[in-house]
Amino acid sequence: MLAGIVLITVVALLAVGRLGELPGTTPDRAPLALPEDRPLAKADVDDVRFAVGLRGYRMDEVDEVLDRLADEVSTRDARIAELEARVAGMGVPRPVPPHDERD
């Protein structure tokens, strides 16, 4: 019984870091590799792959959500490009300089 109490005490002290720190962890899976320097594009979403853990995940559900997200991002990007083209085609009127009455 004494050995059990000592074991529980040691485990508790280890858990709270009283007997030294645990070594740092290293990820056991690849990063998602999403771009940090620009907004996401359809191809970025298409290329995302999730690691399957012990319990896994419903791949069909995740794929359905990613497909919808990719479609919405693609539609949004097309709409933005269309609106930017319209604005560029309209041209922005230049302000008229004030007329000097001395002329």
C-alpha atoms as a PDB file:
ATOM      1  CA  MET A   1       0.000   0.000   0.000  1.00  0.00           C
ATOM      2  CA  LEU A   2       2.878   2.322   0.764  1.00  0.00           C
ATOM      3  CA  ALA A   3       4.355   1.662  -2.681  1.00  0.00           C
ATOM      4  CA  GLY A   4       1.025   2.623  -4.264  1.00  0.00           C
ATOM      5  CA  ILE A   5       0.890   5.912  -2.371  1.00  0.00           C
ATOM      6  CA  VAL A   6       4.483   6.709  -3.348  1.00  0.00           C
ATOM      7  CA  LEU A   7       3.741   5.895  -6.990  1.00  0.00           C
ATOM      8  CA  ILE A   8       0.639   8.096  -7.036  1.00  0.00           C
ATOM      9  CA  THR A   9       2.562  10.934  -5.393  1.00  0.00           C
ATOM     10  CA  VAL A  10       5.426  10.696  -7.909  1.00  0.00           C
ATOM     11  CA  VAL A  11       2.995  10.661 -10.850  1.00  0.00           C
ATOM     12  CA  ALA A  12       1.136  13.661  -9.435  1.00  0.00           C
ATOM     13  CA  LEU A  13       4.381  15.586  -8.930  1.00  0.00           C
ATOM     14  CA  LEU A  14       5.490  14.748 -12.465  1.00  0.00           C
ATOM     15  CA  ALA A  15       2.131  15.877 -13.841  1.00  0.00           C
ATOM     16  CA  VAL A  16       2.409  19.312 -12.246  1.00  0.00           C
ATOM     17  CA  GLY A  17       6.080  19.703 -13.141  1.00  0.00           C
ATOM     18  CA  ARG A  18       7.532  19.557  -9.638  1.00  0.00           C
ATOM     19  CA  LEU A  19      10.147  16.938 -10.525  1.00  0.00           C
ATOM     20  CA  GLY A  20      11.502  18.719 -13.579  1.00  0.00           C
ATOM     21  CA  GLU A  21       9.999  19.623 -16.872  1.00  0.00           C
ATOM     22  CA  LEU A  22       8.887  17.160 -19.449  1.00  0.00           C
ATOM     23  CA  PRO A  23      10.716  17.290 -22.761  1.00  0.00           C
ATOM     24  CA  GLY A  24       9.151  19.366 -25.531  1.00  0.00           C
ATOM     25  CA  THR A  25       6.802  17.685 -27.914  1.00  0.00           C
ATOM     26  CA  THR A  26       7.247  17.271 -31.625  1.00  0.00           C
ATOM     27  CA  PRO A  27       4.286  17.086 -33.971  1.00  0.00           C
ATOM     28  CA  ASP A  28       3.571  13.609 -35.263  1.00  0.00           C
ATOM     29  CA  ARG A  29       1.835  14.847 -38.390  1.00  0.00           C
ATOM     30  CA  ALA A  30       2.607  17.079 -41.312  1.00  0.00           C
ATOM     31  CA  PRO A  31       1.424  20.692 -41.174  1.00  0.00           C
ATOM     32  CA  LEU A  32      -1.551  21.636 -43.342  1.00  0.00           C
ATOM     33  CA  ALA A  33       0.705  23.910 -45.420  1.00  0.00           C
ATOM     34  CA  LEU A  34      -1.847  26.657 -45.903  1.00  0.00           C
ATOM     35  CA  PRO A  35      -0.378  29.903 -47.242  1.00  0.00           C
ATOM     36  CA  GLU A  36       0.268  32.573 -44.646  1.00  0.00           C
ATOM     37  CA  ASP A  37       1.182  35.363 -47.071  1.00  0.00           C
ATOM     38  CA  ARG A  38      -2.040  35.484 -49.117  1.00  0.00           C
ATOM     39  CA  PRO A  39      -5.748  34.659 -48.893  1.00  0.00           C
ATOM     40  CA  LEU A  40      -6.799  31.085 -49.485  1.00  0.00           C
ATOM     41  CA  ALA A  41      -7.696  30.039 -53.006  1.00  0.00           C
ATOM     42  CA  LYS A  42      -9.734  27.089 -54.279  1.00  0.00           C
ATOM     43  CA  ALA A  43      -6.583  25.078 -55.006  1.00  0.00           C
ATOM     44  CA  ASP A  44      -5.394  25.558 -51.412  1.00  0.00           C
ATOM     45  CA  VAL A  45      -8.611  24.059 -50.063  1.00  0.00           C
ATOM     46  CA  ASP A  46      -8.519  21.266 -52.642  1.00  0.00           C
ATOM     47  CA  ASP A  47      -5.012  20.304 -51.517  1.00  0.00           C
ATOM     48  CA  VAL A  48      -5.776  20.069 -47.778  1.00  0.00           C
ATOM     49  CA  ARG A  49      -5.491  16.550 -46.392  1.00  0.00           C
ATOM     50  CA  PHE A  50      -6.209  15.690 -42.773  1.00  0.00           C
ATOM     51  CA  ALA A  51      -4.385  13.035 -40.819  1.00  0.00           C
ATOM     52  CA  VAL A  52      -6.519  10.184 -39.558  1.00  0.00           C
ATOM     53  CA  GLY A  53      -6.172   9.606 -35.833  1.00  0.00           C
ATOM     54  CA  LEU A  54      -6.890   6.579 -33.728  1.00  0.00           C
ATOM     55  CA  ARG A  55     -10.614   7.215 -33.798  1.00  0.00           C
ATOM     56  CA  GLY A  56     -10.475   8.751 -37.266  1.00  0.00           C
ATOM     57  CA  TYR A  57     -13.073  11.050 -38.718  1.00  0.00           C
ATOM     58  CA  ARG A  58     -15.940  10.799 -41.147  1.00  0.00           C
ATOM     59  CA  MET A  59     -14.041  11.412 -44.333  1.00  0.00           C
ATOM     60  CA  ASP A  60     -17.206  11.846 -46.377  1.00  0.00           C
ATOM     61  CA  GLU A  61     -18.405  14.650 -44.095  1.00  0.00           C
ATOM     62  CA  VAL A  62     -15.052  16.450 -44.117  1.00  0.00           C
ATOM     63  CA  ASP A  63     -14.793  16.058 -47.896  1.00  0.00           C
ATOM     64  CA  GLU A  64     -18.298  17.462 -48.336  1.00  0.00           C
ATOM     65  CA  VAL A  65     -17.475  20.517 -46.218  1.00  0.00           C
ATOM     66  CA  LEU A  66     -14.167  21.078 -48.006  1.00  0.00           C
ATOM     67  CA  ASP A  67     -15.859  20.756 -51.418  1.00  0.00           C
ATOM     68  CA  ARG A  68     -18.458  23.345 -50.447  1.00  0.00           C
ATOM     69  CA  LEU A  69     -15.807  25.656 -49.021  1.00  0.00           C
ATOM     70  CA  ALA A  70     -13.705  25.339 -52.174  1.00  0.00           C
ATOM     71  CA  ASP A  71     -16.721  26.134 -54.363  1.00  0.00           C
ATOM     72  CA  GLU A  72     -17.635  29.167 -52.276  1.00  0.00           C
ATOM     73  CA  VAL A  73     -14.054  30.472 -52.308  1.00  0.00           C
ATOM     74  CA  SER A  74     -13.934  30.008 -56.081  1.00  0.00           C
ATOM     75  CA  THR A  75     -17.261  31.811 -56.543  1.00  0.00           C
ATOM     76  CA  ARG A  76     -16.121  34.632 -54.267  1.00  0.00           C
ATOM     77  CA  ASP A  77     -12.832  35.041 -56.138  1.00  0.00           C
ATOM     78  CA  ALA A  78     -14.642  35.137 -59.504  1.00  0.00           C
ATOM     79  CA  ARG A  79     -17.065  37.777 -58.200  1.00  0.00           C
ATOM     80  CA  ILE A  80     -14.250  39.905 -56.797  1.00  0.00           C
ATOM     81  CA  ALA A  81     -12.374  39.697 -60.118  1.00  0.00           C
ATOM     82  CA  GLU A  82     -15.540  40.700 -61.985  1.00  0.00           C
ATOM     83  CA  LEU A  83     -16.154  43.692 -59.721  1.00  0.00           C
ATOM     84  CA  GLU A  84     -12.517  44.798 -59.912  1.00  0.00           C
ATOM     85  CA  ALA A  85     -12.682  44.629 -63.711  1.00  0.00           C
ATOM     86  CA  ARG A  86     -15.841  46.757 -63.700  1.00  0.00           C
ATOM     87  CA  VAL A  87     -14.238  49.358 -61.453  1.00  0.00           C
ATOM     88  CA  ALA A  88     -11.103  49.433 -63.605  1.00  0.00           C
ATOM     89  CA  GLY A  89     -13.226  49.791 -66.766  1.00  0.00           C
ATOM     90  CA  MET A  90     -15.267  52.651 -65.343  1.00  0.00           C
ATOM     91  CA  GLY A  91     -12.238  54.720 -64.574  1.00  0.00           C
ATOM     92  CA  VAL A  92     -12.156  57.056 -61.648  1.00  0.00           C
ATOM     93  CA  PRO A  93     -12.820  60.676 -62.629  1.00  0.00           C
ATOM     94  CA  ARG A  94      -9.991  62.992 -61.811  1.00  0.00           C
ATOM     95  CA  PRO A  95     -10.830  65.975 -59.652  1.00  0.00           C
ATOM     96  CA  VAL A  96     -11.000  69.225 -61.587  1.00  0.00           C
ATOM     97  CA  PRO A  97      -8.458  71.727 -60.290  1.00  0.00           C
ATOM     98  CA  PRO A  98     -10.002  74.947 -59.031  1.00  0.00           C
ATOM     99  CA  HIS A  99     -10.155  77.717 -61.601  1.00  0.00           C
ATOM    100  CA  ASP A 100      -7.984  80.676 -60.813  1.00  0.00           C
ATOM    101  CA  GLU A 101      -9.958  83.910 -61.311  1.00  0.00           C
ATOM    102  CA  ARG A 102      -6.839  85.780 -62.406  1.00  0.00           C
ATOM    103  CA  ASP A 103      -6.822  83.969 -65.770  1.00  0.00           C
END
